[in-house]
Amino acid sequence: MLENIRSFFARTMRVQGSTAERADNEAEERHRLHVAACALLLELAHADDQFTPAERAHVEAVVRRHLDLDEETAKGLLELAEQERKSAIDLYQFTSLIRENYDLGQKTLLAEIMWGVVLADGQIGQHESYMLRKIANLLDLKPGYLSAARKRASGEKE
């Protein structure tokens, strides 16, 4: 997984030079987190066995906006995350990384983004709802935070 991440970002972001070693370590960790978060979003999008164009557009837009990436880099990141998602045995490798590195605010924002993916096609599938609760549990997010994130994602007043 790390080698894929390194080569992808070396090609797209051109991190070079001797002063970049420390920055490389920080950037590598940040990129691992980005891949993990994207893999979780993709897992949710695939939970009902239908990755709709609306879900795809939502995931791409969210990744571009929240990670401040251009379209090509965002698509490359999502391709890498999809490969990692498909080769993963379970969600733990992604959720544990995020749980250990994200604060409560970041986890709550991720939950809101995940709800946005679930709601993107206009319906909440049983498998999507289950998968979202499972991911939230693995991230140590309490049900109240998940409920508030759903309301924000759907535009409801709290």
C-alpha atoms as a PDB file:
ATOM      1  CA  MET A   1       0.000   0.000   0.000  1.00  0.00           C
ATOM      2  CA  LEU A   2       2.717   2.486   0.937  1.00  0.00           C
ATOM      3  CA  GLU A   3       4.641   1.923  -2.285  1.00  0.00           C
ATOM      4  CA  ASN A   4       1.548   2.630  -4.377  1.00  0.00           C
ATOM      5  CA  ILE A   5       0.933   5.830  -2.449  1.00  0.00           C
ATOM      6  CA  ARG A   6       4.536   6.960  -2.736  1.00  0.00           C
ATOM      7  CA  SER A   7       4.755   6.362  -6.472  1.00  0.00           C
ATOM      8  CA  PHE A   8       1.390   7.985  -7.150  1.00  0.00           C
ATOM      9  CA  PHE A   9       2.200  11.185  -5.309  1.00  0.00           C
ATOM     10  CA  ALA A  10       5.787  11.263  -6.530  1.00  0.00           C
ATOM     11  CA  ARG A  11       4.439  11.308 -10.083  1.00  0.00           C
ATOM     12  CA  THR A  12       1.660  13.813  -9.496  1.00  0.00           C
ATOM     13  CA  MET A  13       3.101  16.178  -6.946  1.00  0.00           C
ATOM     14  CA  ARG A  14       6.793  16.014  -7.854  1.00  0.00           C
ATOM     15  CA  VAL A  15       8.136  16.137  -4.306  1.00  0.00           C
ATOM     16  CA  GLN A  16      11.926  16.334  -4.766  1.00  0.00           C
ATOM     17  CA  GLY A  17      15.094  17.509  -3.078  1.00  0.00           C
ATOM     18  CA  SER A  18      16.967  16.819   0.147  1.00  0.00           C
ATOM     19  CA  THR A  19      14.886  19.245   2.216  1.00  0.00           C
ATOM     20  CA  ALA A  20      11.791  17.269   1.321  1.00  0.00           C
ATOM     21  CA  GLU A  21      12.651  14.195   3.446  1.00  0.00           C
ATOM     22  CA  ARG A  22      10.829  15.407   6.551  1.00  0.00           C
ATOM     23  CA  ALA A  23       8.038  16.834   4.434  1.00  0.00           C
ATOM     24  CA  ASP A  24       7.897  13.488   2.626  1.00  0.00           C
ATOM     25  CA  ASN A  25       7.173  11.653   5.876  1.00  0.00           C
ATOM     26  CA  GLU A  26       4.420  14.102   6.810  1.00  0.00           C
ATOM     27  CA  ALA A  27       3.038  14.112   3.280  1.00  0.00           C
ATOM     28  CA  GLU A  28       3.154  10.321   3.151  1.00  0.00           C
ATOM     29  CA  GLU A  29       1.108  10.063   6.338  1.00  0.00           C
ATOM     30  CA  ARG A  30      -1.367  12.650   5.056  1.00  0.00           C
ATOM     31  CA  HIS A  31      -1.679  10.793   1.746  1.00  0.00           C
ATOM     32  CA  ARG A  32      -2.219   7.484   3.547  1.00  0.00           C
ATOM     33  CA  LEU A  33      -5.061   9.164   5.425  1.00  0.00           C
ATOM     34  CA  HIS A  34      -6.490  10.529   2.168  1.00  0.00           C
ATOM     35  CA  VAL A  35      -6.408   7.077   0.578  1.00  0.00           C
ATOM     36  CA  ALA A  36      -8.038   5.560   3.676  1.00  0.00           C
ATOM     37  CA  ALA A  37     -10.816   8.171   3.729  1.00  0.00           C
ATOM     38  CA  CYS A  38     -11.425   7.763  -0.011  1.00  0.00           C
ATOM     39  CA  ALA A  39     -11.510   3.983   0.341  1.00  0.00           C
ATOM     40  CA  LEU A  40     -14.220   4.322   3.006  1.00  0.00           C
ATOM     41  CA  LEU A  41     -16.241   6.646   0.786  1.00  0.00           C
ATOM     42  CA  LEU A  42     -15.937   4.177  -2.075  1.00  0.00           C
ATOM     43  CA  GLU A  43     -16.898   1.286   0.190  1.00  0.00           C
ATOM     44  CA  LEU A  44     -20.087   3.139   1.081  1.00  0.00           C
ATOM     45  CA  ALA A  45     -20.787   3.953  -2.544  1.00  0.00           C
ATOM     46  CA  HIS A  46     -20.476   0.250  -3.430  1.00  0.00           C
ATOM     47  CA  ALA A  47     -22.430  -0.995  -0.387  1.00  0.00           C
ATOM     48  CA  ASP A  48     -25.664  -1.411  -2.325  1.00  0.00           C
ATOM     49  CA  ASP A  49     -23.845  -2.949  -5.329  1.00  0.00           C
ATOM     50  CA  GLN A  50     -24.625   0.133  -7.415  1.00  0.00           C
ATOM     51  CA  PHE A  51     -22.071   2.909  -7.757  1.00  0.00           C
ATOM     52  CA  THR A  52     -24.348   5.421  -9.447  1.00  0.00           C
ATOM     53  CA  PRO A  53     -23.156   8.382 -11.526  1.00  0.00           C
ATOM     54  CA  ALA A  54     -24.595  10.681  -8.830  1.00  0.00           C
ATOM     55  CA  GLU A  55     -22.539   8.934  -6.143  1.00  0.00           C
ATOM     56  CA  ARG A  56     -19.420   9.038  -8.324  1.00  0.00           C
ATOM     57  CA  ALA A  57     -19.864  12.757  -9.006  1.00  0.00           C
ATOM     58  CA  HIS A  58     -20.441  13.437  -5.311  1.00  0.00           C
ATOM     59  CA  VAL A  59     -17.328  11.502  -4.240  1.00  0.00           C
ATOM     60  CA  GLU A  60     -15.155  13.197  -6.875  1.00  0.00           C
ATOM     61  CA  ALA A  61     -16.444  16.663  -5.944  1.00  0.00           C
ATOM     62  CA  VAL A  62     -15.942  16.065  -2.224  1.00  0.00           C
ATOM     63  CA  VAL A  63     -12.405  14.777  -2.721  1.00  0.00           C
ATOM     64  CA  ARG A  64     -11.478  17.719  -4.905  1.00  0.00           C
ATOM     65  CA  ARG A  65     -13.007  20.268  -2.536  1.00  0.00           C
ATOM     66  CA  HIS A  66     -11.849  18.903   0.821  1.00  0.00           C
ATOM     67  CA  LEU A  67      -8.377  17.836  -0.262  1.00  0.00           C
ATOM     68  CA  ASP A  68      -7.855  20.833  -2.557  1.00  0.00           C
ATOM     69  CA  LEU A  69      -6.894  18.682  -5.559  1.00  0.00           C
ATOM     70  CA  ASP A  70      -7.199  19.244  -9.274  1.00  0.00           C
ATOM     71  CA  GLU A  71      -9.418  16.900 -11.262  1.00  0.00           C
ATOM     72  CA  GLU A  72      -6.616  14.649 -12.543  1.00  0.00           C
ATOM     73  CA  THR A  73      -5.019  14.215  -9.120  1.00  0.00           C
ATOM     74  CA  ALA A  74      -8.396  13.539  -7.494  1.00  0.00           C
ATOM     75  CA  LYS A  75      -9.216  10.865 -10.070  1.00  0.00           C
ATOM     76  CA  GLY A  76      -5.795   9.264  -9.551  1.00  0.00           C
ATOM     77  CA  LEU A  77      -6.302   9.266  -5.787  1.00  0.00           C
ATOM     78  CA  LEU A  78      -9.714   7.653  -6.186  1.00  0.00           C
ATOM     79  CA  GLU A  79      -8.280   5.007  -8.522  1.00  0.00           C
ATOM     80  CA  LEU A  80      -5.611   4.204  -5.949  1.00  0.00           C
ATOM     81  CA  ALA A  81      -8.205   4.123  -3.163  1.00  0.00           C
ATOM     82  CA  GLU A  82     -10.366   1.796  -5.258  1.00  0.00           C
ATOM     83  CA  GLN A  83      -7.430  -0.591  -5.724  1.00  0.00           C
ATOM     84  CA  GLU A  84      -6.736  -0.536  -1.994  1.00  0.00           C
ATOM     85  CA  ARG A  85     -10.434  -1.043  -1.209  1.00  0.00           C
ATOM     86  CA  LYS A  86     -10.655  -4.049  -3.501  1.00  0.00           C
ATOM     87  CA  SER A  87      -7.514  -5.665  -2.081  1.00  0.00           C
ATOM     88  CA  ALA A  88      -8.408  -5.002   1.565  1.00  0.00           C
ATOM     89  CA  ILE A  89      -9.565  -7.890   3.711  1.00  0.00           C
ATOM     90  CA  ASP A  90     -11.698  -5.620   5.880  1.00  0.00           C
ATOM     91  CA  LEU A  91     -12.235  -1.962   6.757  1.00  0.00           C
ATOM     92  CA  TYR A  92     -10.007  -2.011   9.824  1.00  0.00           C
ATOM     93  CA  GLN A  93      -6.845  -0.953   7.992  1.00  0.00           C
ATOM     94  CA  PHE A  94      -8.631   2.219   6.882  1.00  0.00           C
ATOM     95  CA  THR A  95     -10.674   2.976   9.982  1.00  0.00           C
ATOM     96  CA  SER A  96      -7.810   2.394  12.429  1.00  0.00           C
ATOM     97  CA  LEU A  97      -5.596   4.842  10.552  1.00  0.00           C
ATOM     98  CA  ILE A  98      -8.305   7.489  10.576  1.00  0.00           C
ATOM     99  CA  ARG A  99      -9.355   6.794  14.181  1.00  0.00           C
ATOM    100  CA  GLU A 100      -5.770   7.300  15.370  1.00  0.00           C
ATOM    101  CA  ASN A 101      -5.090  10.455  13.348  1.00  0.00           C
ATOM    102  CA  TYR A 102      -8.366  12.371  13.050  1.00  0.00           C
ATOM    103  CA  ASP A 103      -9.799  14.426  15.865  1.00  0.00           C
ATOM    104  CA  LEU A 104     -13.524  14.398  16.671  1.00  0.00           C
ATOM    105  CA  GLY A 105     -14.237  17.304  14.331  1.00  0.00           C
ATOM    106  CA  GLN A 106     -12.511  15.595  11.408  1.00  0.00           C
ATOM    107  CA  LYS A 107     -14.320  12.332  12.095  1.00  0.00           C
ATOM    108  CA  THR A 108     -17.653  14.157  12.273  1.00  0.00           C
ATOM    109  CA  LEU A 109     -16.930  15.926   8.986  1.00  0.00           C
ATOM    110  CA  LEU A 110     -16.052  12.561   7.431  1.00  0.00           C
ATOM    111  CA  ALA A 111     -19.361  11.170   8.722  1.00  0.00           C
ATOM    112  CA  GLU A 112     -21.191  14.090   7.108  1.00  0.00           C
ATOM    113  CA  ILE A 113     -19.381  13.421   3.827  1.00  0.00           C
ATOM    114  CA  MET A 114     -20.237   9.717   4.092  1.00  0.00           C
ATOM    115  CA  TRP A 115     -23.905  10.593   4.605  1.00  0.00           C
ATOM    116  CA  GLY A 116     -23.647  12.779   1.511  1.00  0.00           C
ATOM    117  CA  VAL A 117     -22.463   9.758  -0.479  1.00  0.00           C
ATOM    118  CA  VAL A 118     -25.319   7.621   0.856  1.00  0.00           C
ATOM    119  CA  LEU A 119     -27.881  10.333   0.069  1.00  0.00           C
ATOM    120  CA  ALA A 120     -26.420  11.241  -3.343  1.00  0.00           C
ATOM    121  CA  ASP A 121     -28.639   8.870  -5.315  1.00  0.00           C
ATOM    122  CA  GLY A 122     -31.787   9.923  -3.477  1.00  0.00           C
ATOM    123  CA  GLN A 123     -32.336   6.738  -1.505  1.00  0.00           C
ATOM    124  CA  ILE A 124     -30.807   5.091   1.538  1.00  0.00           C
ATOM    125  CA  GLY A 125     -30.190   1.416   0.930  1.00  0.00           C
ATOM    126  CA  GLN A 126     -30.276  -0.994   3.846  1.00  0.00           C
ATOM    127  CA  HIS A 127     -26.684  -2.051   3.177  1.00  0.00           C
ATOM    128  CA  GLU A 128     -25.531   1.565   2.922  1.00  0.00           C
ATOM    129  CA  SER A 129     -27.081   2.440   6.269  1.00  0.00           C
ATOM    130  CA  TYR A 130     -25.551  -0.633   7.897  1.00  0.00           C
ATOM    131  CA  MET A 131     -22.116   0.061   6.396  1.00  0.00           C
ATOM    132  CA  LEU A 132     -22.193   3.672   7.536  1.00  0.00           C
ATOM    133  CA  ARG A 133     -23.056   2.673  11.114  1.00  0.00           C
ATOM    134  CA  LYS A 134     -20.326   0.029  11.039  1.00  0.00           C
ATOM    135  CA  ILE A 135     -17.705   2.524   9.829  1.00  0.00           C
ATOM    136  CA  ALA A 136     -18.833   5.104  12.390  1.00  0.00           C
ATOM    137  CA  ASN A 137     -18.531   2.489  15.130  1.00  0.00           C
ATOM    138  CA  LEU A 138     -15.013   1.568  13.976  1.00  0.00           C
ATOM    139  CA  LEU A 139     -14.121   5.278  14.041  1.00  0.00           C
ATOM    140  CA  ASP A 140     -15.461   5.529  17.621  1.00  0.00           C
ATOM    141  CA  LEU A 141     -18.158   8.002  16.595  1.00  0.00           C
ATOM    142  CA  LYS A 142     -21.160   8.009  18.889  1.00  0.00           C
ATOM    143  CA  PRO A 143     -24.647   7.662  17.344  1.00  0.00           C
ATOM    144  CA  GLY A 144     -25.501  11.267  18.239  1.00  0.00           C
ATOM    145  CA  TYR A 145     -22.645  12.570  16.107  1.00  0.00           C
ATOM    146  CA  LEU A 146     -23.731  10.318  13.255  1.00  0.00           C
ATOM    147  CA  SER A 147     -27.308  11.576  13.521  1.00  0.00           C
ATOM    148  CA  ALA A 148     -26.191  15.212  13.525  1.00  0.00           C
ATOM    149  CA  ALA A 149     -23.948  14.523  10.511  1.00  0.00           C
ATOM    150  CA  ARG A 150     -26.930  13.024   8.658  1.00  0.00           C
ATOM    151  CA  LYS A 151     -29.036  16.097   9.363  1.00  0.00           C
ATOM    152  CA  ARG A 152     -26.310  18.420   8.105  1.00  0.00           C
ATOM    153  CA  ALA A 153     -25.750  16.296   4.979  1.00  0.00           C
ATOM    154  CA  SER A 154     -29.462  16.238   4.172  1.00  0.00           C
ATOM    155  CA  GLY A 155     -29.965  19.923   4.961  1.00  0.00           C
ATOM    156  CA  GLU A 156     -32.348  19.299   7.863  1.00  0.00           C
ATOM    157  CA  LYS A 157     -32.420  21.672  10.795  1.00  0.00           C
ATOM    158  CA  GLU A 158     -31.046  20.264  14.028  1.00  0.00           C
END
